[in-house]
Amino acid sequence: MCAHVACAYEAAEAFFISDGDDWKVCDRYADGDRAKMSITFVNDNGSTETDYLDATGGAGSCAKGGVGVNIPEGHKVTVKVWHQNGAVGTPQDVATATGTA
């Protein structure tokens, strides 16, 4: 079950799965760009944490994150997704979604 989905104009797609606190980003378009995402939440010790994830394997590739992370139930989660050319490229078509863990 996907609690949040954010899409950057078909080029990139990000998911947050609240059951297990997992997330992933997928490159959906053969444009030479990488798909990137960030996920921001308040962790167990009350600090705000932002994690970043890249899908760099080309169209159809995905990357997964969240292993060992426990976002407290009911806490706000913000997911951003975009595509960009290379590791330091300019973010394009940024999309944002929010919800709760």
Protein backbone atom coordinates (compact mmCIF):
# COMPACT_ATOMS: atom_id res chain seq x y z
CA MET A 1 0.00 0.00 0.00
CA CYS A 2 1.38 3.41 -0.95
CA ALA A 3 0.42 6.13 1.49
CA HIS A 4 1.99 8.90 -0.56
CA VAL A 5 2.95 9.15 -4.19
CA ALA A 6 4.59 12.13 -5.85
CA CYS A 7 5.37 12.29 -9.56
CA ALA A 8 7.64 14.72 -11.40
CA TYR A 9 5.87 14.99 -14.76
CA GLU A 10 6.27 11.32 -15.71
CA ALA A 11 10.10 11.43 -15.51
CA ALA A 12 10.38 10.38 -11.86
CA GLU A 13 8.11 8.78 -9.30
CA ALA A 14 8.56 8.43 -5.52
CA PHE A 15 6.69 6.30 -3.02
CA PHE A 16 6.45 6.22 0.78
CA ILE A 17 5.00 3.03 2.24
CA SER A 18 3.85 3.71 5.79
CA ASP A 19 3.63 0.03 6.72
CA GLY A 20 7.34 -0.56 7.32
CA ASP A 21 8.51 3.02 6.73
CA ASP A 22 10.03 2.24 3.35
CA TRP A 23 10.44 4.50 0.35
CA LYS A 24 11.61 4.28 -3.22
CA VAL A 25 12.24 6.44 -6.26
CA CYS A 26 11.91 5.28 -9.85
CA ASP A 27 13.19 6.68 -13.14
CA ARG A 28 10.29 6.46 -15.57
CA TYR A 29 11.63 8.16 -18.69
CA ALA A 30 14.61 7.57 -20.99
CA ASP A 31 15.84 11.17 -20.92
CA GLY A 32 19.38 10.64 -19.58
CA ASP A 33 18.45 12.23 -16.23
CA ARG A 34 18.47 10.54 -12.85
CA ALA A 35 15.39 10.37 -10.63
CA LYS A 36 15.89 11.82 -7.13
CA MET A 37 13.79 12.07 -4.02
CA SER A 38 13.96 13.44 -0.51
CA ILE A 39 11.91 12.35 2.46
CA THR A 40 11.65 14.55 5.56
CA PHE A 41 10.26 13.40 8.91
CA VAL A 42 10.75 13.69 12.67
CA ASN A 43 12.73 10.70 13.95
CA ASP A 44 12.46 8.83 17.27
CA ASN A 45 14.60 11.35 19.17
CA GLY A 46 12.52 14.32 17.97
CA SER A 47 14.99 15.65 15.39
CA THR A 48 13.95 16.49 11.84
CA GLU A 49 15.69 14.20 9.37
CA THR A 50 15.91 14.41 5.59
CA ASP A 51 17.12 11.45 3.55
CA TYR A 52 17.93 11.57 -0.18
CA LEU A 53 17.77 8.75 -2.70
CA ASP A 54 18.78 8.52 -6.39
CA ALA A 55 17.74 6.08 -9.12
CA THR A 56 20.72 6.20 -11.48
CA GLY A 57 20.26 3.03 -13.55
CA GLY A 58 18.27 4.58 -16.39
CA ALA A 59 14.63 4.31 -17.39
CA GLY A 60 12.79 1.67 -15.41
CA SER A 61 15.31 1.56 -12.55
CA CYS A 62 14.35 2.14 -8.91
CA ALA A 63 16.23 2.66 -5.65
CA LYS A 64 14.88 1.77 -2.20
CA GLY A 65 15.48 3.32 1.22
CA GLY A 66 14.22 3.20 4.77
CA VAL A 67 15.98 0.08 6.06
CA GLY A 68 16.27 0.36 9.84
CA VAL A 69 14.28 3.62 10.00
CA ASN A 70 11.31 3.91 12.34
CA ILE A 71 9.11 6.96 11.81
CA PRO A 72 6.76 7.32 14.79
CA GLU A 73 3.11 6.62 13.93
CA GLY A 74 1.09 9.73 13.20
CA HIS A 75 4.14 11.88 12.36
CA LYS A 76 4.14 14.04 9.23
CA VAL A 77 6.18 12.84 6.26
CA THR A 78 7.07 15.05 3.28
CA VAL A 79 8.17 13.44 0.01
CA LYS A 80 9.74 15.43 -2.84
CA VAL A 81 10.68 13.96 -6.22
CA TRP A 82 12.42 15.39 -9.26
CA HIS A 83 14.75 14.53 -12.11
CA GLN A 84 18.09 16.12 -12.89
CA ASN A 85 21.06 15.74 -15.19
CA GLY A 86 23.90 14.21 -13.17
CA ALA A 87 24.71 14.31 -9.49
CA VAL A 88 24.86 18.11 -9.28
CA GLY A 89 22.35 19.03 -11.99
CA THR A 90 19.49 21.45 -11.52
CA PRO A 91 16.31 19.85 -10.14
CA GLN A 92 13.56 19.76 -12.78
CA ASP A 93 9.79 19.35 -12.33
CA VAL A 94 9.86 19.07 -8.53
CA ALA A 95 6.69 17.54 -7.04
CA THR A 96 5.79 17.29 -3.33
CA ALA A 97 3.37 15.16 -1.33
CA THR A 98 2.74 15.05 2.44
CA GLY A 99 1.04 12.61 4.75
CA THR A 100 1.52 10.71 7.99
CA ALA A 101 3.46 7.61 8.99
